[in-house]
Amino acid sequence: MSILPENLQRYQKFMIFMLKYWNSDLFAKTASTALNEDDPDENKSEVYDQTPEELVEDLKNMGPTYIKLGQLLSTRPDLLPDPYLQALASLQDDVPPIDYSVVQEIVEDEIGSRISKAFSSFDEEPLASASIGQVHKATLRSGKPVAVKIQRPGIRKQFLADLDTLKEMAEFAVKHTEVAKKYAFDNVLAELRHILLQELDYNREAQNLITLGTNLKEFRSLIVPQPILDYSSSKVLTMDFIQGKKITSISPMKKLENDLSPLVDELVEAYLKQIITDGFVHADPHPGNIHITNQNQIALIDLGMVAKFTTNIQEKLLQLLIALSQEDGEAAADVLLNMSELTDHADVKNFRRNVNQLIMDSQVTAAKEMETGRLLIQMNRIAANNGILISVEVNILGKIFLNMDQIIAVLDPDFDLKEAIRKHVHKMMRSKMYKELKPENLFSVALESKKLAEHLPERLNKISENLANNEFKIKVDAIDQQRFTDGFQKVANRITLGLIIAAMIVGAAMLMRVPSSFVIFGYPGLAIIFFMIAALGGIILSYVIIVKDEGFKLKK
């Protein structure tokens, strides 16, 4: 780890923050909760060393990168107590705004036009101010209301500097601590770096809005704001303005007056479609990014963070969700193992047993208390404790469902998420099967069958000819024959040399009784010579067996 003089301030801030929180009760509680070791009967109003407000202020003082990390933590009820989640949630809005003069300069530089010419009105006060940028309401010359998101100046450079610091610290931790190695802190940070850098490119976010809007156009109760590309760039994003409020801001009266269960069901179906069918997922559906309109429609905003799943991963996630909906622990463990990498100390048997136990425990949980996201996160903890590295897509799925659990708890606490998953997943599985039967998919299968049919007679003739001429051979790559033969030869040589040494010792002992004029140390000289040769041979043989053979074994 190299520490350059110009980076000392960043390292100093990071070390001061870690020294303050490393040995705190809050950190201990977070670690035990993550590992599912906390006591369910523990007093939930426990007082920790640092207050929620103090943690928020410390993250603000650390800078925008750590504010973003705080935002991510605010969506993790599996890690932190409720008062800290609520305090960290304020980081999603409560960030000092950029001066309007700076906003005006950035917008005009990026869109190549004066604000007064491009917009008929542009509010100087922001609607929201976050760690990466802030949003202003404006009106196009056509009269269309829009939201304009402006990236904070110099934020990319600052993010990269902070992420470099965190990368070095994570690599150091992985080398020197078992916990960091077990949970692959360096890999987690690499994934976070990739996500955050994507979120800094507003051109990418504009394309994400277009893609998600197209994929979810069949859901009438869902809205995805579309970008105005002529007034957007990598640092400015202009999109449809949606009048609404955060899911968490819904009044109890609104929930009493309206049956929101169908809305929740459609939201769940839309996210399952993204995961299983499209492979393109809004990966950050925390309550701040999900708004409800006055017409009881749900708006999905802030598409900076998306996940993309391959066809193979989609199928495995489909199998996992089916296993969870059917409460089949064996099937869930099989799918997870197929998506995982086993380390040298992997304990597959214990992993299967713990996953089964986790699934069985969830069977007795009431529907409204069922937390699918927490279940997936706990499976990841079980895997880590048993030397199994689960695919990162399972973590993404767990994070999505953690956020969905929070939204469902607000909109309809009695909603049965497990039953909804079971219903929609089976429908999507049938849809995928029908899709695979489409002519274009059958055409590729037909081509492969044609190739097989063309080459099959030739290959069968060759096999039968080799069988008839007794030339059919099967190569089994099981044993290294050369090494096996060399090993036997070594053993034979050692036994032979040992017998020669033993014979020399016996012969020397017999010569001791034969009188001789040639003496060494007062004993018959020839016997002493044989004794010395035998001793030297024994020492050499022992050295070769103890030292050389061990080196040979390690080398191989």
Protein backbone atom coordinates (compact mmCIF):
# COMPACT_ATOMS: atom_id res chain seq x y z
CA MET A 1 0.00 0.00 0.00
CA SER A 2 1.60 3.25 -1.14
CA ILE A 3 0.77 6.45 0.65
CA LEU A 4 1.63 9.56 -1.36
CA PRO A 5 2.02 12.96 0.38
CA GLU A 6 -0.86 14.52 -1.59
CA ASN A 7 -3.16 11.75 -0.35
CA LEU A 8 -2.27 12.02 3.34
CA GLN A 9 -5.35 14.08 4.17
CA ARG A 10 -7.67 11.45 2.70
CA TYR A 11 -5.92 8.65 4.57
CA GLN A 12 -5.98 10.69 7.77
CA LYS A 13 -9.75 11.31 7.51
CA PHE A 14 -10.39 7.62 6.80
CA MET A 15 -8.24 6.41 9.70
CA ILE A 16 -9.83 8.86 12.17
CA PHE A 17 -13.30 7.66 11.10
CA MET A 18 -12.32 3.98 11.43
CA LEU A 19 -10.66 4.47 14.82
CA LYS A 20 -13.83 6.10 16.11
CA TYR A 21 -16.24 3.40 14.93
CA TRP A 22 -14.14 0.21 14.83
CA ASN A 23 -14.51 -0.64 18.52
CA SER A 24 -17.93 0.94 18.99
CA ASP A 25 -21.05 -0.91 20.13
CA LEU A 26 -22.74 0.09 16.88
CA PHE A 27 -20.09 -1.66 14.78
CA ALA A 28 -20.29 -4.78 16.98
CA LYS A 29 -24.09 -4.78 16.61
CA THR A 30 -23.81 -4.37 12.83
CA ALA A 31 -21.34 -7.25 12.54
CA SER A 32 -23.44 -9.60 14.69
CA THR A 33 -26.60 -8.71 12.76
CA ALA A 34 -24.87 -9.32 9.44
CA LEU A 35 -23.75 -12.71 10.67
CA ASN A 36 -27.23 -13.45 12.05
CA GLU A 37 -25.83 -13.79 15.57
CA ASP A 38 -27.91 -11.14 17.32
CA ASP A 39 -30.31 -12.04 20.07
CA PRO A 40 -33.95 -11.68 18.97
CA ASP A 41 -34.96 -10.82 22.52
CA GLU A 42 -32.40 -8.02 22.76
CA ASN A 43 -33.71 -4.61 23.77
CA LYS A 44 -34.25 -2.73 20.52
CA SER A 45 -33.92 0.67 22.18
CA GLU A 46 -30.33 0.02 23.18
CA VAL A 47 -28.14 3.14 23.31
CA TYR A 48 -24.90 3.00 21.29
CA ASP A 49 -21.65 4.95 21.58
CA GLN A 50 -22.55 7.20 18.64
CA THR A 51 -25.99 8.69 18.02
CA PRO A 52 -27.63 8.42 14.56
CA GLU A 53 -27.20 12.15 14.04
CA GLU A 54 -23.50 11.89 14.89
CA LEU A 55 -22.99 9.11 12.31
CA VAL A 56 -24.72 11.21 9.64
CA GLU A 57 -22.58 14.27 10.41
CA ASP A 58 -19.39 12.18 10.32
CA LEU A 59 -20.29 10.80 6.88
CA LYS A 60 -21.08 14.30 5.60
CA ASN A 61 -17.69 15.52 6.82
CA MET A 62 -16.01 12.61 5.00
CA GLY A 63 -17.34 13.85 1.64
CA PRO A 64 -19.70 12.81 -1.19
CA THR A 65 -18.32 9.27 -1.64
CA TYR A 66 -19.04 8.42 1.98
CA ILE A 67 -22.41 10.15 1.77
CA LYS A 68 -23.21 7.74 -1.08
CA LEU A 69 -22.06 4.82 1.08
CA GLY A 70 -24.34 6.12 3.82
CA GLN A 71 -27.23 6.19 1.35
CA LEU A 72 -26.57 2.56 0.46
CA LEU A 73 -26.47 1.64 4.16
CA SER A 74 -29.81 3.41 4.71
CA THR A 75 -31.43 0.71 2.55
CA ARG A 76 -29.97 -2.17 4.59
CA PRO A 77 -32.30 -2.99 7.51
CA ASP A 78 -30.44 -6.27 7.83
CA LEU A 79 -27.42 -4.37 9.16
CA LEU A 80 -28.41 -1.30 11.18
CA PRO A 81 -31.02 -0.46 13.85
CA ASP A 82 -34.08 1.56 12.74
CA PRO A 83 -33.02 4.96 14.24
CA TYR A 84 -29.78 4.83 12.22
CA LEU A 85 -31.63 3.81 9.05
CA GLN A 86 -33.95 6.79 9.45
CA ALA A 87 -31.06 9.17 10.05
CA LEU A 88 -29.06 7.85 7.08
CA ALA A 89 -32.16 8.15 4.88
CA SER A 90 -31.88 11.92 5.30
CA LEU A 91 -28.64 11.74 3.33
CA GLN A 92 -30.75 11.08 0.24
CA ASP A 93 -32.02 14.68 0.36
CA ASP A 94 -30.27 16.63 3.10
CA VAL A 95 -27.07 17.62 1.27
CA PRO A 96 -25.99 21.26 0.85
CA PRO A 97 -27.18 22.45 -2.60
CA ILE A 98 -25.01 23.81 -5.38
CA ASP A 99 -25.25 27.58 -5.88
CA TYR A 100 -27.58 28.51 -8.71
CA SER A 101 -24.81 30.43 -10.49
CA VAL A 102 -22.79 27.20 -10.71
CA VAL A 103 -25.89 25.28 -11.86
CA GLN A 104 -26.53 27.84 -14.60
CA GLU A 105 -22.93 27.66 -15.80
CA ILE A 106 -22.93 23.82 -15.93
CA VAL A 107 -26.29 23.60 -17.75
CA GLU A 108 -25.37 26.21 -20.36
CA ASP A 109 -21.94 24.65 -21.00
CA GLU A 110 -23.41 21.15 -21.37
CA ILE A 111 -26.46 21.86 -23.55
CA GLY A 112 -24.79 24.62 -25.54
CA SER A 113 -27.56 27.15 -25.00
CA ARG A 114 -28.57 29.79 -22.50
CA ILE A 115 -31.07 28.62 -19.88
CA SER A 116 -33.42 31.47 -20.79
CA LYS A 117 -33.42 30.31 -24.41
CA ALA A 118 -33.84 26.57 -23.75
CA PHE A 119 -36.41 26.84 -20.93
CA SER A 120 -39.35 29.15 -20.43
CA SER A 121 -38.81 28.80 -16.67
CA PHE A 122 -36.13 27.26 -14.46
CA ASP A 123 -36.57 27.14 -10.66
CA GLU A 124 -33.54 28.40 -8.79
CA GLU A 125 -34.39 26.37 -5.68
CA PRO A 126 -33.67 22.65 -6.16
CA LEU A 127 -36.34 19.99 -5.63
CA ALA A 128 -33.73 17.68 -4.11
CA SER A 129 -30.00 17.77 -3.48
CA ALA A 130 -28.01 14.54 -3.26
CA SER A 131 -24.37 13.49 -3.08
CA ILE A 132 -23.82 13.28 -6.83
CA GLY A 133 -26.13 16.01 -8.09
CA GLN A 134 -29.31 17.96 -7.56
CA VAL A 135 -32.64 18.27 -9.36
CA HIS A 136 -34.43 21.46 -10.47
CA LYS A 137 -37.90 21.81 -11.91
CA ALA A 138 -38.11 23.60 -15.25
CA THR A 139 -40.47 24.13 -18.19
CA LEU A 140 -39.53 23.68 -21.83
CA ARG A 141 -40.49 26.27 -24.45
CA SER A 142 -43.21 23.83 -25.53
CA GLY A 143 -44.79 24.11 -22.08
CA LYS A 144 -43.76 20.60 -21.02
CA PRO A 145 -42.69 20.41 -17.34
CA VAL A 146 -39.34 18.67 -16.85
CA ALA A 147 -36.89 17.77 -14.11
CA VAL A 148 -33.26 18.74 -14.72
CA LYS A 149 -30.56 16.82 -12.85
CA ILE A 150 -27.16 18.54 -12.63
CA GLN A 151 -23.98 16.77 -11.57
CA ARG A 152 -21.87 18.42 -8.88
CA PRO A 153 -18.66 19.98 -10.28
CA GLY A 154 -15.49 17.94 -9.69
CA ILE A 155 -17.45 15.04 -8.22
CA ARG A 156 -15.95 12.41 -10.54
CA LYS A 157 -12.37 13.29 -9.57
CA GLN A 158 -13.26 13.24 -5.88
CA PHE A 159 -15.07 9.90 -6.18
CA LEU A 160 -12.07 8.32 -7.91
CA ALA A 161 -9.66 9.61 -5.24
CA ASP A 162 -11.84 8.32 -2.37
CA LEU A 163 -12.42 4.99 -4.10
CA ASP A 164 -8.67 4.56 -4.61
CA THR A 165 -8.18 5.11 -0.87
CA LEU A 166 -10.88 2.56 -0.03
CA LYS A 167 -9.41 0.09 -2.53
CA GLU A 168 -5.99 0.22 -0.88
CA MET A 169 -7.50 -0.12 2.58
CA ALA A 170 -9.67 -3.07 1.44
CA GLU A 171 -6.69 -4.86 -0.12
CA PHE A 172 -4.71 -4.34 3.09
CA ALA A 173 -7.62 -5.68 5.17
CA VAL A 174 -8.03 -8.76 2.96
CA LYS A 175 -4.34 -9.59 3.37
CA HIS A 176 -4.33 -9.19 7.16
CA THR A 177 -7.80 -10.05 8.50
CA GLU A 178 -9.91 -13.19 8.16
CA VAL A 179 -13.24 -11.31 8.17
CA ALA A 180 -12.23 -9.14 5.20
CA LYS A 181 -10.97 -12.21 3.35
CA LYS A 182 -14.10 -14.26 4.12
CA TYR A 183 -16.47 -11.59 2.79
CA ALA A 184 -14.13 -10.57 -0.07
CA PHE A 185 -14.07 -6.86 0.81
CA ASP A 186 -11.89 -6.14 -2.24
CA ASN A 187 -14.43 -7.73 -4.62
CA VAL A 188 -17.32 -5.90 -2.94
CA LEU A 189 -15.51 -2.59 -3.34
CA ALA A 190 -14.66 -3.33 -6.98
CA GLU A 191 -18.37 -3.91 -7.65
CA LEU A 192 -19.24 -0.68 -5.78
CA ARG A 193 -16.67 1.23 -7.83
CA HIS A 194 -18.20 -0.06 -11.07
CA ILE A 195 -21.71 0.92 -9.93
CA LEU A 196 -20.74 4.42 -8.77
CA LEU A 197 -18.78 5.24 -11.93
CA GLN A 198 -21.77 4.21 -14.02
CA GLU A 199 -23.98 6.46 -11.89
CA LEU A 200 -21.72 9.42 -12.74
CA ASP A 201 -22.52 9.12 -16.47
CA TYR A 202 -25.91 10.74 -17.16
CA ASN A 203 -25.83 9.65 -20.82
CA ARG A 204 -25.89 6.06 -19.59
CA GLU A 205 -28.72 6.87 -17.19
CA ALA A 206 -30.75 8.40 -20.04
CA GLN A 207 -30.40 5.17 -22.02
CA ASN A 208 -31.36 3.18 -18.91
CA LEU A 209 -34.58 5.21 -18.62
CA ILE A 210 -35.43 4.49 -22.24
CA THR A 211 -34.72 0.75 -21.91
CA LEU A 212 -36.68 0.31 -18.68
CA GLY A 213 -39.59 2.38 -20.02
CA THR A 214 -39.80 0.10 -23.05
CA ASN A 215 -39.54 -3.09 -21.00
CA LEU A 216 -42.30 -2.02 -18.56
CA LYS A 217 -44.72 -0.40 -21.00
CA GLU A 218 -47.29 -3.19 -20.40
CA PHE A 219 -47.66 -2.15 -16.74
CA ARG A 220 -50.19 0.67 -16.70
CA SER A 221 -49.71 1.50 -13.02
CA LEU A 222 -45.96 2.04 -13.42
CA ILE A 223 -44.28 5.13 -14.85
CA VAL A 224 -40.67 5.55 -15.94
CA PRO A 225 -39.78 9.20 -16.75
CA GLN A 226 -38.27 9.52 -20.23
CA PRO A 227 -35.23 11.69 -20.99
CA ILE A 228 -35.23 14.75 -23.26
CA LEU A 229 -32.04 13.87 -25.15
CA ASP A 230 -31.61 17.29 -26.80
CA TYR A 231 -31.20 18.83 -23.35
CA SER A 232 -29.07 16.09 -21.79
CA SER A 233 -25.35 15.25 -21.60
CA SER A 234 -22.96 13.28 -19.40
CA LYS A 235 -23.41 15.89 -16.62
CA VAL A 236 -26.97 17.15 -17.22
CA LEU A 237 -30.07 14.95 -17.49
CA THR A 238 -33.41 16.48 -18.50
CA MET A 239 -36.43 14.17 -18.16
CA ASP A 240 -40.18 14.11 -17.67
CA PHE A 241 -41.35 15.77 -14.47
CA ILE A 242 -43.57 13.51 -12.36
CA GLN A 243 -45.70 15.02 -9.64
CA GLY A 244 -45.69 12.68 -6.67
CA LYS A 245 -44.21 11.89 -3.30
CA LYS A 246 -42.00 9.24 -1.79
CA ILE A 247 -43.60 5.93 -0.90
CA THR A 248 -42.63 6.52 2.73
CA SER A 249 -44.57 9.81 2.74
CA ILE A 250 -47.98 8.24 2.12
CA SER A 251 -50.48 9.28 4.78
CA PRO A 252 -52.39 6.62 6.75
CA MET A 253 -55.63 8.14 5.46
CA LYS A 254 -54.60 7.48 1.82
CA LYS A 255 -53.92 3.83 2.66
CA LEU A 256 -57.33 3.53 4.30
CA GLU A 257 -59.16 5.15 1.40
CA ASN A 258 -57.39 3.16 -1.33
CA ASP A 259 -56.76 -0.56 -1.81
CA LEU A 260 -53.07 -0.55 -2.71
CA SER A 261 -52.72 -4.34 -2.90
CA PRO A 262 -53.14 -4.50 -6.73
CA LEU A 263 -50.53 -1.75 -7.07
CA VAL A 264 -48.07 -3.72 -4.92
CA ASP A 265 -48.79 -6.89 -6.90
CA GLU A 266 -48.05 -5.11 -10.18
CA LEU A 267 -44.83 -3.65 -8.76
CA VAL A 268 -43.66 -7.11 -7.67
CA GLU A 269 -44.55 -8.59 -11.08
CA ALA A 270 -42.66 -5.78 -12.84
CA TYR A 271 -39.50 -6.44 -10.84
CA LEU A 272 -39.73 -10.20 -11.40
CA LYS A 273 -40.06 -9.53 -15.13
CA GLN A 274 -36.93 -7.36 -15.02
CA ILE A 275 -35.00 -10.10 -13.20
CA ILE A 276 -36.23 -13.21 -15.01
CA THR A 277 -37.29 -12.10 -18.49
CA ASP A 278 -35.45 -8.89 -19.38
CA GLY A 279 -32.16 -9.29 -17.51
CA PHE A 280 -32.15 -5.49 -17.05
CA VAL A 281 -33.04 -4.44 -13.51
CA HIS A 282 -33.54 -1.18 -11.62
CA ALA A 283 -31.03 -2.22 -8.94
CA ASP A 284 -31.68 0.53 -6.38
CA PRO A 285 -35.43 0.54 -5.61
CA HIS A 286 -35.11 2.14 -2.17
CA PRO A 287 -38.10 4.22 -0.98
CA GLY A 288 -36.42 7.46 -2.12
CA ASN A 289 -36.38 6.21 -5.72
CA ILE A 290 -39.98 4.95 -5.75
CA HIS A 291 -42.64 7.69 -5.84
CA ILE A 292 -46.42 7.45 -5.87
CA THR A 293 -48.45 9.93 -7.92
CA ASN A 294 -51.81 11.53 -7.17
CA GLN A 295 -53.33 9.05 -9.65
CA ASN A 296 -52.03 6.11 -7.56
CA GLN A 297 -49.34 5.20 -10.06
CA ILE A 298 -45.82 4.21 -9.06
CA ALA A 299 -42.91 6.09 -10.64
CA LEU A 300 -39.46 4.45 -10.85
CA ILE A 301 -36.88 7.21 -10.90
CA ASP A 302 -33.08 7.48 -10.66
CA LEU A 303 -31.84 4.80 -13.08
CA GLY A 304 -28.16 5.43 -12.39
CA MET A 305 -27.80 2.03 -10.77
CA VAL A 306 -28.92 -0.94 -12.89
CA ALA A 307 -27.98 -4.61 -12.98
CA LYS A 308 -27.68 -6.75 -16.10
CA PHE A 309 -28.12 -10.53 -15.96
CA THR A 310 -27.08 -13.01 -18.65
CA THR A 311 -29.55 -15.61 -19.92
CA ASN A 312 -27.80 -18.28 -17.87
CA ILE A 313 -28.02 -16.19 -14.68
CA GLN A 314 -31.68 -15.40 -15.38
CA GLU A 315 -32.48 -19.11 -15.53
CA LYS A 316 -30.63 -19.81 -12.29
CA LEU A 317 -32.35 -16.91 -10.49
CA LEU A 318 -35.67 -18.26 -11.79
CA GLN A 319 -34.84 -21.67 -10.30
CA LEU A 320 -33.84 -20.03 -7.02
CA LEU A 321 -37.06 -18.04 -6.76
CA ILE A 322 -39.12 -21.15 -7.55
CA ALA A 323 -37.27 -23.04 -4.80
CA LEU A 324 -37.89 -20.23 -2.31
CA SER A 325 -41.57 -19.94 -3.23
CA GLN A 326 -41.98 -23.71 -2.77
CA GLU A 327 -39.92 -23.66 0.46
CA ASP A 328 -37.58 -26.30 -1.01
CA GLY A 329 -34.27 -25.94 0.83
CA GLU A 330 -32.51 -28.73 -1.10
CA ALA A 331 -33.35 -27.15 -4.46
CA ALA A 332 -32.29 -23.69 -3.22
CA ALA A 333 -28.94 -25.07 -2.02
CA ASP A 334 -28.38 -26.82 -5.37
CA VAL A 335 -29.02 -23.62 -7.34
CA LEU A 336 -26.77 -21.55 -5.07
CA LEU A 337 -23.94 -24.09 -5.39
CA ASN A 338 -24.30 -24.03 -9.18
CA MET A 339 -23.82 -20.25 -9.03
CA SER A 340 -20.88 -20.40 -6.62
CA GLU A 341 -17.16 -20.90 -6.46
CA LEU A 342 -15.83 -23.37 -3.88
CA THR A 343 -12.70 -22.47 -1.91
CA ASP A 344 -10.20 -25.05 -0.62
CA HIS A 345 -11.91 -25.16 2.79
CA ALA A 346 -15.50 -25.27 1.49
CA ASP A 347 -17.94 -27.24 3.68
CA VAL A 348 -20.76 -28.08 1.24
CA LYS A 349 -22.49 -30.49 3.62
CA ASN A 350 -22.78 -27.89 6.38
CA PHE A 351 -23.90 -25.25 3.84
CA ARG A 352 -26.74 -27.49 2.65
CA ARG A 353 -27.81 -28.24 6.22
CA ASN A 354 -27.86 -24.55 7.21
CA VAL A 355 -29.76 -23.45 4.10
CA ASN A 356 -32.33 -26.17 4.71
CA GLN A 357 -32.70 -25.04 8.31
CA LEU A 358 -33.12 -21.42 7.22
CA ILE A 359 -35.85 -22.35 4.73
CA MET A 360 -37.66 -24.52 7.29
CA ASP A 361 -37.57 -21.70 9.85
CA SER A 362 -39.11 -19.34 7.28
CA GLN A 363 -42.07 -21.71 6.82
CA VAL A 364 -43.46 -20.79 10.23
CA THR A 365 -43.09 -17.04 9.61
CA ALA A 366 -46.31 -15.10 9.01
CA ALA A 367 -46.70 -13.77 5.48
CA LYS A 368 -46.58 -10.13 6.59
CA GLU A 369 -43.38 -10.80 8.54
CA MET A 370 -41.67 -12.69 5.74
CA GLU A 371 -38.56 -10.86 4.52
CA THR A 372 -37.32 -12.39 1.28
CA GLY A 373 -34.42 -9.96 1.03
CA ARG A 374 -33.12 -10.80 4.48
CA LEU A 375 -33.45 -14.52 3.64
CA LEU A 376 -31.21 -14.10 0.58
CA ILE A 377 -28.67 -12.04 2.53
CA GLN A 378 -28.55 -14.69 5.27
CA MET A 379 -27.90 -17.37 2.64
CA ASN A 380 -24.91 -15.34 1.49
CA ARG A 381 -23.66 -15.18 5.10
CA ILE A 382 -24.05 -18.95 5.44
CA ALA A 383 -22.06 -19.44 2.23
CA ALA A 384 -19.26 -17.13 3.40
CA ASN A 385 -19.01 -18.98 6.73
CA ASN A 386 -18.65 -22.27 4.84
CA GLY A 387 -15.97 -21.20 2.38
CA ILE A 388 -18.35 -20.75 -0.58
CA LEU A 389 -18.28 -17.63 -2.77
CA ILE A 390 -21.80 -17.03 -4.05
CA SER A 391 -22.31 -15.21 -7.35
CA VAL A 392 -22.68 -11.43 -6.93
CA GLU A 393 -26.07 -11.59 -8.69
CA VAL A 394 -27.55 -13.28 -5.61
CA ASN A 395 -26.42 -10.32 -3.50
CA ILE A 396 -28.00 -7.92 -6.00
CA LEU A 397 -31.23 -9.93 -5.85
CA GLY A 398 -31.12 -9.81 -2.04
CA LYS A 399 -30.63 -6.03 -2.03
CA ILE A 400 -33.54 -5.54 -4.44
CA PHE A 401 -35.86 -7.62 -2.28
CA LEU A 402 -34.67 -5.92 0.91
CA ASN A 403 -35.87 -2.64 -0.58
CA MET A 404 -39.06 -4.24 -1.88
CA ASP A 405 -39.78 -5.53 1.63
CA GLN A 406 -39.65 -1.95 2.92
CA ILE A 407 -41.95 -0.64 0.17
CA ILE A 408 -44.47 -3.45 0.68
CA ALA A 409 -44.43 -2.83 4.45
CA VAL A 410 -45.51 0.78 3.78
CA LEU A 411 -48.09 0.17 1.05
CA ASP A 412 -49.68 -3.09 2.22
CA PRO A 413 -48.22 -4.75 5.35
CA ASP A 414 -50.48 -7.80 4.90
CA PHE A 415 -49.33 -8.47 1.33
CA ASP A 416 -48.12 -12.08 0.86
CA LEU A 417 -44.89 -11.62 -1.09
CA LYS A 418 -44.11 -15.34 -1.12
CA GLU A 419 -47.45 -16.17 -2.76
CA ALA A 420 -47.02 -13.32 -5.27
CA ILE A 421 -43.57 -14.62 -6.23
CA ARG A 422 -44.96 -18.14 -6.64
CA LYS A 423 -47.81 -16.91 -8.88
CA HIS A 424 -45.79 -14.59 -11.11
CA VAL A 425 -42.69 -16.79 -11.36
CA HIS A 426 -44.68 -19.75 -12.66
CA LYS A 427 -46.40 -17.50 -15.21
CA MET A 428 -43.05 -16.14 -16.38
CA MET A 429 -41.58 -19.64 -16.56
CA ARG A 430 -44.36 -20.67 -18.96
CA SER A 431 -43.78 -17.49 -20.95
CA LYS A 432 -40.05 -18.28 -21.27
CA MET A 433 -40.86 -21.80 -22.47
CA TYR A 434 -43.24 -20.44 -25.14
CA LYS A 435 -40.60 -17.91 -26.15
CA GLU A 436 -38.05 -20.66 -26.69
CA LEU A 437 -40.51 -22.38 -29.05
CA LYS A 438 -40.58 -19.38 -31.38
CA PRO A 439 -39.53 -20.08 -35.02
CA GLU A 440 -36.27 -18.11 -34.73
CA ASN A 441 -35.19 -20.17 -31.70
CA LEU A 442 -36.26 -23.47 -33.33
CA PHE A 443 -34.27 -22.48 -36.44
CA SER A 444 -30.97 -22.52 -34.51
CA VAL A 445 -31.87 -25.93 -33.05
CA ALA A 446 -32.68 -27.18 -36.55
CA LEU A 447 -29.28 -26.01 -37.82
CA GLU A 448 -27.49 -27.88 -35.03
CA SER A 449 -29.57 -30.99 -35.76
CA LYS A 450 -28.70 -30.69 -39.45
CA LYS A 451 -24.97 -30.57 -38.64
CA LEU A 452 -25.32 -33.61 -36.38
CA ALA A 453 -27.22 -35.54 -39.07
CA GLU A 454 -24.58 -34.66 -41.70
CA HIS A 455 -21.60 -35.86 -39.67
CA LEU A 456 -23.23 -38.77 -37.82
CA PRO A 457 -22.85 -41.48 -40.57
CA GLU A 458 -19.18 -40.64 -41.08
CA ARG A 459 -18.45 -40.79 -37.34
CA LEU A 460 -20.40 -44.05 -36.90
CA ASN A 461 -18.46 -45.64 -39.82
CA LYS A 462 -15.16 -44.60 -38.25
CA ILE A 463 -16.14 -46.04 -34.85
CA SER A 464 -17.34 -49.35 -36.32
CA GLU A 465 -14.19 -49.64 -38.50
CA ASN A 466 -11.91 -49.14 -35.49
CA LEU A 467 -13.89 -51.71 -33.54
CA ALA A 468 -13.62 -54.25 -36.39
CA ASN A 469 -9.83 -53.73 -36.70
CA ASN A 470 -9.36 -53.85 -32.93
CA GLU A 471 -8.05 -50.27 -33.04
CA PHE A 472 -10.70 -48.66 -30.84
CA LYS A 473 -9.02 -46.86 -27.94
CA ILE A 474 -10.37 -45.06 -24.90
CA LYS A 475 -8.07 -42.57 -23.24
CA VAL A 476 -8.63 -42.13 -19.52
CA ASP A 477 -6.79 -39.20 -17.99
CA ALA A 478 -6.79 -40.50 -14.43
CA ILE A 479 -3.21 -41.42 -13.40
CA ASP A 480 0.14 -39.93 -14.41
CA GLN A 481 1.69 -43.20 -15.64
CA GLN A 482 5.24 -41.83 -15.87
CA ARG A 483 5.18 -40.49 -12.32
CA PHE A 484 3.59 -43.74 -11.09
CA THR A 485 6.40 -45.82 -12.71
CA ASP A 486 9.11 -43.47 -11.41
CA GLY A 487 7.71 -43.85 -7.92
CA PHE A 488 7.93 -47.64 -8.02
CA GLN A 489 11.47 -47.45 -9.39
CA LYS A 490 12.50 -45.14 -6.55
CA VAL A 491 11.06 -47.49 -3.95
CA ALA A 492 12.91 -50.48 -5.51
CA ASN A 493 16.19 -48.53 -5.60
CA ARG A 494 15.85 -47.50 -1.93
CA ILE A 495 15.09 -51.05 -0.83
CA THR A 496 18.10 -52.38 -2.79
CA LEU A 497 20.41 -49.72 -1.32
CA GLY A 498 19.10 -50.46 2.16
CA LEU A 499 19.83 -54.18 1.71
CA ILE A 500 23.39 -53.40 0.53
CA ILE A 501 23.99 -51.17 3.57
CA ALA A 502 22.60 -53.85 5.88
CA ALA A 503 24.84 -56.50 4.24
CA MET A 504 27.90 -54.28 4.69
CA ILE A 505 27.07 -53.81 8.40
CA VAL A 506 26.61 -57.58 8.88
CA GLY A 507 29.83 -58.31 6.92
CA ALA A 508 31.76 -55.72 8.94
CA ALA A 509 30.52 -57.28 12.20
CA MET A 510 31.72 -60.72 11.04
CA LEU A 511 35.13 -59.32 10.00
CA MET A 512 35.58 -57.99 13.54
CA ARG A 513 36.24 -61.56 14.64
CA VAL A 514 38.92 -62.18 11.97
CA PRO A 515 42.50 -61.31 13.18
CA SER A 516 44.26 -58.77 10.91
CA SER A 517 47.56 -56.85 10.94
CA PHE A 518 45.76 -53.86 9.34
CA VAL A 519 43.97 -52.05 12.17
CA ILE A 520 42.19 -48.69 12.62
CA PHE A 521 41.59 -47.38 16.15
CA GLY A 522 42.69 -50.83 17.40
CA TYR A 523 40.02 -52.70 15.35
CA PRO A 524 40.39 -54.68 12.09
CA GLY A 525 40.78 -52.00 9.40
CA LEU A 526 38.61 -53.66 6.74
CA ALA A 527 35.67 -53.97 9.16
CA ILE A 528 35.96 -50.30 10.18
CA ILE A 529 36.02 -49.22 6.51
CA PHE A 530 32.85 -51.23 5.83
CA PHE A 531 31.22 -49.69 8.91
CA MET A 532 32.11 -46.16 7.74
CA ILE A 533 30.86 -46.77 4.18
CA ALA A 534 27.61 -48.22 5.56
CA ALA A 535 27.17 -45.23 7.94
CA LEU A 536 27.84 -42.74 5.13
CA GLY A 537 25.39 -44.54 2.85
CA GLY A 538 22.74 -44.55 5.60
CA ILE A 539 23.18 -40.82 6.21
CA ILE A 540 22.90 -40.02 2.47
CA LEU A 541 19.83 -42.25 2.08
CA SER A 542 18.16 -40.61 5.10
CA TYR A 543 18.91 -37.15 3.73
CA VAL A 544 17.42 -38.00 0.33
CA ILE A 545 14.28 -39.50 1.88
CA ILE A 546 13.68 -36.72 4.41
CA VAL A 547 14.74 -33.64 2.42
CA LYS A 548 14.78 -34.38 -1.29
CA ASP A 549 11.60 -36.44 -1.45
CA GLU A 550 9.63 -33.75 0.45
CA GLY A 551 10.86 -31.13 -2.01
CA PHE A 552 9.98 -33.43 -4.90
CA LYS A 553 6.46 -33.88 -3.48
CA LEU A 554 5.87 -30.13 -3.09
CA LYS A 555 7.24 -29.41 -6.53
CA LYS A 556 4.91 -31.90 -8.12
